[in-house]
Amino acid sequence: MNPMNLCDINQIKLLLARHGFKFSKDLGQNFLCDEEIPAAIAEGAGITPETCVVEVGPGIGALSAQLCKRAKKVTAIELDRRLPAILSETMAVCCSLAAVPTEQENRAETGRRSLPSPKLTIPRPGRWAAGPPRTA
């Protein structure tokens, strides 16, 4: 079976429809549709086979796939609780990826989602990676 092209808009639409996924305006969700972007981000991050990477907002895994090709380990943090199931499917062959669940929303107290608990320990050398920032 050929791996899915995680930057192909038609394949992305089919994947998201299969999972019943709808974009969240609150989270400013966008997925990378240009194959060169995740490769350029991963290449520019200075990752080596000894590097451990923390990826914020992996989405469906377009950048994750590129990071996994280069890094010793990738730890992905996703705030949208609907996406880890999709990420598990798209990254099933990537044994160096570990998805970290986030705590429940506490909008009444903080007005935003919280980061994972307990604290992450990132082995050295370590890098942080994220896709392009969301636009307003």
N, C-alpha and C. Protein backbone atom coordinates (compact mmCIF):
# COMPACT_ATOMS: atom_id res chain seq x y z
N MET A 1 0.84 -1.19 0.00
CA MET A 1 0.00 0.00 0.00
C MET A 1 0.88 1.25 0.00
N ASN A 2 0.61 2.18 -0.90
CA ASN A 2 1.37 3.41 -0.98
C ASN A 2 1.00 4.33 0.18
N PRO A 3 2.01 5.02 0.77
CA PRO A 3 1.68 5.94 1.84
C PRO A 3 0.85 7.11 1.31
N MET A 4 0.01 7.63 2.17
CA MET A 4 -0.85 8.74 1.79
C MET A 4 -0.02 10.01 1.62
N ASN A 5 -0.34 10.81 0.62
CA ASN A 5 0.29 12.11 0.44
C ASN A 5 -0.46 13.08 1.34
N LEU A 6 0.14 13.44 2.47
CA LEU A 6 -0.52 14.27 3.47
C LEU A 6 -0.60 15.74 3.08
N CYS A 7 -0.14 16.08 1.88
CA CYS A 7 -0.25 17.45 1.37
C CYS A 7 -1.18 17.53 0.16
N ASP A 8 -1.75 16.42 -0.24
CA ASP A 8 -2.67 16.40 -1.38
C ASP A 8 -4.07 16.75 -0.88
N ILE A 9 -4.60 17.87 -1.34
CA ILE A 9 -5.88 18.38 -0.84
C ILE A 9 -7.01 17.37 -0.99
N ASN A 10 -7.03 16.62 -2.08
CA ASN A 10 -8.09 15.62 -2.28
C ASN A 10 -7.97 14.47 -1.28
N GLN A 11 -6.74 14.01 -1.03
CA GLN A 11 -6.55 12.96 -0.04
C GLN A 11 -6.85 13.46 1.37
N ILE A 12 -6.50 14.72 1.66
CA ILE A 12 -6.82 15.31 2.96
C ILE A 12 -8.33 15.35 3.16
N LYS A 13 -9.06 15.80 2.15
CA LYS A 13 -10.52 15.88 2.25
C LYS A 13 -11.14 14.50 2.50
N LEU A 14 -10.66 13.48 1.78
CA LEU A 14 -11.17 12.12 1.98
C LEU A 14 -10.87 11.61 3.39
N LEU A 15 -9.65 11.84 3.85
CA LEU A 15 -9.25 11.41 5.19
C LEU A 15 -10.13 12.07 6.26
N LEU A 16 -10.30 13.38 6.16
CA LEU A 16 -11.08 14.11 7.16
C LEU A 16 -12.55 13.71 7.11
N ALA A 17 -13.08 13.50 5.92
CA ALA A 17 -14.48 13.07 5.78
C ALA A 17 -14.68 11.68 6.39
N ARG A 18 -13.72 10.79 6.18
CA ARG A 18 -13.81 9.43 6.74
C ARG A 18 -13.87 9.46 8.27
N HIS A 19 -13.23 10.46 8.86
CA HIS A 19 -13.21 10.60 10.32
C HIS A 19 -14.29 11.57 10.82
N GLY A 20 -15.08 12.14 9.90
CA GLY A 20 -16.12 13.08 10.31
C GLY A 20 -15.55 14.37 10.90
N PHE A 21 -14.37 14.76 10.45
CA PHE A 21 -13.68 15.92 11.00
C PHE A 21 -14.13 17.21 10.31
N LYS A 22 -14.42 18.22 11.11
CA LYS A 22 -14.72 19.57 10.62
C LYS A 22 -13.71 20.52 11.26
N PHE A 23 -13.23 21.47 10.49
CA PHE A 23 -12.26 22.44 10.99
C PHE A 23 -12.84 23.27 12.13
N SER A 24 -11.99 23.67 13.07
CA SER A 24 -12.39 24.52 14.19
C SER A 24 -11.86 25.93 13.96
N LYS A 25 -12.76 26.89 13.86
CA LYS A 25 -12.34 28.28 13.71
C LYS A 25 -11.63 28.76 14.98
N ASP A 26 -12.06 28.25 16.14
CA ASP A 26 -11.43 28.63 17.41
C ASP A 26 -9.96 28.27 17.45
N LEU A 27 -9.59 27.18 16.81
CA LEU A 27 -8.21 26.72 16.83
C LEU A 27 -7.40 27.24 15.63
N GLY A 28 -8.05 27.95 14.73
CA GLY A 28 -7.36 28.50 13.58
C GLY A 28 -6.70 27.43 12.72
N GLN A 29 -7.41 26.32 12.52
CA GLN A 29 -6.81 25.16 11.86
C GLN A 29 -6.61 25.36 10.36
N ASN A 30 -5.41 25.02 9.93
CA ASN A 30 -5.03 25.01 8.53
C ASN A 30 -4.13 23.81 8.32
N PHE A 31 -4.24 23.15 7.18
CA PHE A 31 -3.36 22.02 6.90
C PHE A 31 -2.49 22.37 5.71
N LEU A 32 -1.25 21.89 5.75
CA LEU A 32 -0.28 22.17 4.69
C LEU A 32 -0.65 21.43 3.42
N CYS A 33 -0.72 22.16 2.31
CA CYS A 33 -1.11 21.55 1.03
C CYS A 33 0.00 21.66 -0.01
N ASP A 34 1.15 22.13 0.39
CA ASP A 34 2.30 22.23 -0.51
C ASP A 34 3.39 21.32 0.06
N GLU A 35 3.74 20.26 -0.65
CA GLU A 35 4.71 19.27 -0.17
C GLU A 35 6.06 19.86 0.18
N GLU A 36 6.42 20.97 -0.44
CA GLU A 36 7.72 21.58 -0.20
C GLU A 36 7.81 22.25 1.17
N ILE A 37 6.68 22.71 1.72
CA ILE A 37 6.69 23.46 2.98
C ILE A 37 7.14 22.58 4.16
N PRO A 38 6.48 21.43 4.44
CA PRO A 38 6.95 20.63 5.58
C PRO A 38 8.39 20.14 5.41
N ALA A 39 8.78 19.82 4.19
CA ALA A 39 10.16 19.38 3.95
C ALA A 39 11.14 20.52 4.24
N ALA A 40 10.79 21.74 3.84
CA ALA A 40 11.66 22.90 4.08
C ALA A 40 11.75 23.24 5.57
N ILE A 41 10.62 23.13 6.28
CA ILE A 41 10.63 23.40 7.72
C ILE A 41 11.53 22.38 8.43
N ALA A 42 11.35 21.10 8.10
CA ALA A 42 12.14 20.05 8.73
C ALA A 42 13.62 20.20 8.40
N GLU A 43 13.91 20.51 7.15
CA GLU A 43 15.30 20.67 6.72
C GLU A 43 15.94 21.87 7.43
N GLY A 44 15.21 22.96 7.54
CA GLY A 44 15.73 24.17 8.16
C GLY A 44 15.87 24.10 9.67
N ALA A 45 15.29 23.08 10.29
CA ALA A 45 15.33 22.96 11.75
C ALA A 45 16.67 22.41 12.26
N GLY A 46 17.54 21.98 11.38
CA GLY A 46 18.84 21.47 11.80
C GLY A 46 18.76 20.17 12.57
N ILE A 47 17.83 19.32 12.18
CA ILE A 47 17.61 18.05 12.87
C ILE A 47 18.59 17.01 12.37
N THR A 48 19.13 16.23 13.32
CA THR A 48 20.04 15.13 13.00
C THR A 48 19.40 13.83 13.48
N PRO A 49 19.96 12.68 13.13
CA PRO A 49 19.42 11.40 13.61
C PRO A 49 19.48 11.24 15.14
N GLU A 50 20.19 12.10 15.84
CA GLU A 50 20.26 12.06 17.31
C GLU A 50 19.30 13.04 17.97
N THR A 51 18.61 13.87 17.18
CA THR A 51 17.76 14.93 17.72
C THR A 51 16.40 14.40 18.16
N CYS A 52 15.94 14.90 19.30
CA CYS A 52 14.58 14.65 19.77
C CYS A 52 13.79 15.93 19.54
N VAL A 53 12.62 15.82 18.90
CA VAL A 53 11.84 16.98 18.49
C VAL A 53 10.49 16.98 19.19
N VAL A 54 10.04 18.17 19.62
CA VAL A 54 8.67 18.35 20.10
C VAL A 54 7.95 19.15 19.03
N GLU A 55 6.89 18.57 18.48
CA GLU A 55 6.11 19.25 17.45
C GLU A 55 4.79 19.72 18.08
N VAL A 56 4.50 21.00 17.90
CA VAL A 56 3.27 21.58 18.41
C VAL A 56 2.27 21.68 17.27
N GLY A 57 1.10 21.07 17.46
CA GLY A 57 0.06 21.12 16.43
C GLY A 57 0.35 20.27 15.22
N PRO A 58 0.52 18.95 15.39
CA PRO A 58 0.85 18.10 14.25
C PRO A 58 -0.27 17.93 13.23
N GLY A 59 -1.51 18.22 13.62
CA GLY A 59 -2.62 18.05 12.69
C GLY A 59 -2.71 16.62 12.20
N ILE A 60 -2.66 16.44 10.87
CA ILE A 60 -2.75 15.09 10.31
C ILE A 60 -1.37 14.48 10.06
N GLY A 61 -0.31 15.26 10.28
CA GLY A 61 1.04 14.69 10.22
C GLY A 61 1.90 15.06 9.04
N ALA A 62 1.58 16.08 8.28
CA ALA A 62 2.40 16.44 7.12
C ALA A 62 3.82 16.80 7.55
N LEU A 63 3.96 17.63 8.56
CA LEU A 63 5.29 17.98 9.08
C LEU A 63 5.85 16.83 9.89
N SER A 64 5.00 16.14 10.63
CA SER A 64 5.44 14.99 11.45
C SER A 64 6.20 13.97 10.61
N ALA A 65 5.67 13.67 9.43
CA ALA A 65 6.30 12.68 8.55
C ALA A 65 7.71 13.10 8.18
N GLN A 66 7.89 14.38 7.89
CA GLN A 66 9.22 14.88 7.53
C GLN A 66 10.16 14.87 8.73
N LEU A 67 9.62 15.22 9.90
CA LEU A 67 10.44 15.22 11.12
C LEU A 67 10.88 13.80 11.46
N CYS A 68 9.96 12.84 11.32
CA CYS A 68 10.27 11.44 11.64
C CYS A 68 11.37 10.87 10.73
N LYS A 69 11.46 11.37 9.51
CA LYS A 69 12.51 10.91 8.59
C LYS A 69 13.90 11.33 9.07
N ARG A 70 13.94 12.42 9.86
CA ARG A 70 15.23 13.02 10.22
C ARG A 70 15.62 12.83 11.69
N ALA A 71 14.64 12.74 12.58
CA ALA A 71 14.90 12.79 14.02
C ALA A 71 14.93 11.41 14.66
N LYS A 72 15.56 11.35 15.83
CA LYS A 72 15.55 10.13 16.64
C LYS A 72 14.16 9.87 17.17
N LYS A 73 13.50 10.92 17.67
CA LYS A 73 12.16 10.79 18.23
C LYS A 73 11.41 12.10 18.03
N VAL A 74 10.11 12.00 17.74
CA VAL A 74 9.24 13.16 17.61
C VAL A 74 8.10 13.00 18.61
N THR A 75 7.93 14.00 19.47
CA THR A 75 6.81 14.02 20.40
C THR A 75 5.84 15.08 19.91
N ALA A 76 4.61 14.68 19.61
CA ALA A 76 3.62 15.58 19.02
C ALA A 76 2.59 15.98 20.07
N ILE A 77 2.34 17.29 20.18
CA ILE A 77 1.34 17.81 21.11
C ILE A 77 0.21 18.43 20.29
N GLU A 78 -0.99 17.89 20.43
CA GLU A 78 -2.15 18.38 19.67
C GLU A 78 -3.26 18.74 20.64
N LEU A 79 -3.75 19.98 20.55
CA LEU A 79 -4.82 20.44 21.43
C LEU A 79 -6.19 19.93 21.01
N ASP A 80 -6.38 19.69 19.72
CA ASP A 80 -7.68 19.22 19.23
C ASP A 80 -7.79 17.72 19.47
N ARG A 81 -8.65 17.34 20.39
CA ARG A 81 -8.79 15.93 20.79
C ARG A 81 -9.29 15.03 19.65
N ARG A 82 -9.77 15.61 18.56
CA ARG A 82 -10.27 14.80 17.44
C ARG A 82 -9.14 14.34 16.53
N LEU A 83 -8.00 15.01 16.59
CA LEU A 83 -6.93 14.73 15.63
C LEU A 83 -6.00 13.56 15.97
N PRO A 84 -5.78 13.20 17.23
CA PRO A 84 -4.88 12.06 17.47
C PRO A 84 -5.29 10.76 16.79
N ALA A 85 -6.58 10.49 16.65
CA ALA A 85 -7.02 9.28 15.95
C ALA A 85 -6.61 9.33 14.49
N ILE A 86 -6.71 10.50 13.88
CA ILE A 86 -6.30 10.66 12.49
C ILE A 86 -4.79 10.54 12.39
N LEU A 87 -4.08 11.18 13.32
CA LEU A 87 -2.62 11.11 13.33
C LEU A 87 -2.13 9.67 13.52
N SER A 88 -2.83 8.91 14.34
CA SER A 88 -2.46 7.50 14.53
C SER A 88 -2.55 6.72 13.23
N GLU A 89 -3.55 7.06 12.42
CA GLU A 89 -3.70 6.39 11.12
C GLU A 89 -2.61 6.82 10.15
N THR A 90 -2.38 8.12 10.03
CA THR A 90 -1.44 8.62 9.03
C THR A 90 0.01 8.35 9.40
N MET A 91 0.30 8.22 10.69
CA MET A 91 1.67 8.01 11.14
C MET A 91 1.90 6.60 11.66
N ALA A 92 1.05 5.65 11.28
CA ALA A 92 1.13 4.28 11.78
C ALA A 92 2.50 3.63 11.53
N VAL A 93 3.15 3.98 10.44
CA VAL A 93 4.45 3.38 10.11
C VAL A 93 5.63 4.13 10.72
N CYS A 94 5.36 5.23 11.39
CA CYS A 94 6.43 6.04 11.98
C CYS A 94 6.62 5.65 13.44
N CYS A 95 7.57 4.78 13.70
CA CYS A 95 7.77 4.28 15.05
C CYS A 95 8.45 5.28 15.97
N SER A 96 8.96 6.39 15.44
CA SER A 96 9.63 7.37 16.29
C SER A 96 8.69 8.49 16.76
N LEU A 97 7.38 8.39 16.44
CA LEU A 97 6.43 9.43 16.82
C LEU A 97 5.65 9.01 18.06
N ALA A 98 5.55 9.91 19.02
CA ALA A 98 4.73 9.70 20.23
C ALA A 98 3.79 10.88 20.38
N ALA A 99 2.49 10.62 20.36
CA ALA A 99 1.51 11.70 20.53
C ALA A 99 1.21 11.86 22.01
N VAL A 100 1.19 13.11 22.48
CA VAL A 100 0.94 13.41 23.89
C VAL A 100 -0.46 14.01 24.00
N PRO A 101 -1.34 13.36 24.79
CA PRO A 101 -2.68 13.93 24.96
C PRO A 101 -2.62 15.20 25.83
N THR A 102 -3.54 16.10 25.61
CA THR A 102 -3.60 17.31 26.43
C THR A 102 -4.68 17.16 27.48
N GLU A 103 -4.62 18.02 28.49
CA GLU A 103 -5.63 18.00 29.55
C GLU A 103 -6.96 18.47 28.99
N GLN A 104 -8.02 18.20 29.74
CA GLN A 104 -9.35 18.67 29.35
C GLN A 104 -9.35 20.20 29.28
N GLU A 105 -10.22 20.72 28.45
CA GLU A 105 -10.37 22.16 28.38
C GLU A 105 -10.83 22.70 29.72
N ASN A 106 -10.38 23.87 30.05
CA ASN A 106 -10.85 24.54 31.25
C ASN A 106 -11.09 26.00 30.89
N ARG A 107 -11.98 26.22 29.94
CA ARG A 107 -12.24 27.56 29.44
C ARG A 107 -12.82 28.49 30.51
N ALA A 108 -13.61 27.96 31.43
CA ALA A 108 -14.20 28.81 32.46
C ALA A 108 -13.12 29.44 33.33
N GLU A 109 -12.06 28.67 33.62
CA GLU A 109 -11.01 29.17 34.50
C GLU A 109 -9.92 29.94 33.76
N THR A 110 -9.47 29.41 32.62
CA THR A 110 -8.32 30.01 31.93
C THR A 110 -8.67 30.68 30.61
N GLY A 111 -9.81 30.32 30.02
CA GLY A 111 -10.17 30.87 28.72
C GLY A 111 -9.44 30.20 27.57
N ARG A 112 -8.63 29.19 27.85
CA ARG A 112 -7.90 28.49 26.77
C ARG A 112 -7.59 27.07 27.22
N ARG A 113 -7.13 26.29 26.28
CA ARG A 113 -6.73 24.92 26.60
C ARG A 113 -5.37 24.94 27.28
N SER A 114 -5.11 23.94 28.09
CA SER A 114 -3.83 23.87 28.79
C SER A 114 -2.88 22.91 28.10
N LEU A 115 -1.61 23.05 28.40
CA LEU A 115 -0.59 22.16 27.85
C LEU A 115 -0.60 20.84 28.60
N PRO A 116 0.06 19.84 28.06
CA PRO A 116 0.04 18.52 28.68
C PRO A 116 0.59 18.52 30.10
N SER A 117 0.12 17.59 30.86
CA SER A 117 0.64 17.36 32.20
C SER A 117 0.82 15.86 32.33
N PRO A 118 1.87 15.34 32.89
CA PRO A 118 2.94 16.07 33.57
C PRO A 118 3.88 16.75 32.58
N LYS A 119 4.86 17.47 33.12
CA LYS A 119 5.80 18.20 32.29
C LYS A 119 6.57 17.24 31.38
N LEU A 120 6.87 17.71 30.19
CA LEU A 120 7.65 16.91 29.24
C LEU A 120 9.13 17.00 29.57
N THR A 121 9.81 15.90 29.46
CA THR A 121 11.26 15.89 29.56
C THR A 121 11.79 15.65 28.16
N ILE A 122 12.56 16.59 27.65
CA ILE A 122 13.07 16.49 26.29
C ILE A 122 14.55 16.16 26.34
N PRO A 123 14.92 14.95 25.89
CA PRO A 123 16.34 14.59 25.88
C PRO A 123 17.12 15.53 24.97
N ARG A 124 18.38 15.71 25.28
CA ARG A 124 19.23 16.55 24.45
C ARG A 124 19.90 15.70 23.38
N PRO A 125 20.22 16.18 22.20
CA PRO A 125 19.82 17.52 21.76
C PRO A 125 18.34 17.54 21.40
N GLY A 126 17.69 18.65 21.64
CA GLY A 126 16.26 18.76 21.39
C GLY A 126 15.93 19.96 20.52
N ARG A 127 14.80 19.88 19.81
CA ARG A 127 14.31 20.96 18.95
C ARG A 127 12.80 21.04 19.09
N TRP A 128 12.24 22.21 18.88
CA TRP A 128 10.80 22.44 18.82
C TRP A 128 10.46 22.73 17.37
N ALA A 129 9.32 22.23 16.91
CA ALA A 129 8.90 22.47 15.53
C ALA A 129 7.40 22.72 15.48
N ALA A 130 6.99 23.59 14.58
CA ALA A 130 5.59 23.87 14.35
C ALA A 130 5.43 24.34 12.91
N GLY A 131 4.23 24.14 12.39
CA GLY A 131 3.94 24.61 11.05
C GLY A 131 3.79 26.12 11.04
N PRO A 132 3.42 26.69 9.90
CA PRO A 132 3.25 28.14 9.81
C PRO A 132 2.21 28.62 10.81
N PRO A 133 2.38 29.82 11.37
CA PRO A 133 1.41 30.33 12.34
C PRO A 133 0.05 30.56 11.70
N ARG A 134 -0.98 30.46 12.53
CA ARG A 134 -2.33 30.69 12.00
C ARG A 134 -2.50 32.17 11.69
N THR A 135 -3.38 32.45 10.75
CA THR A 135 -3.63 33.83 10.38
C THR A 135 -4.97 34.26 10.95
N ALA A 136 -5.08 35.53 11.27
CA ALA A 136 -6.32 36.04 11.87
C ALA A 136 -7.36 36.26 10.82
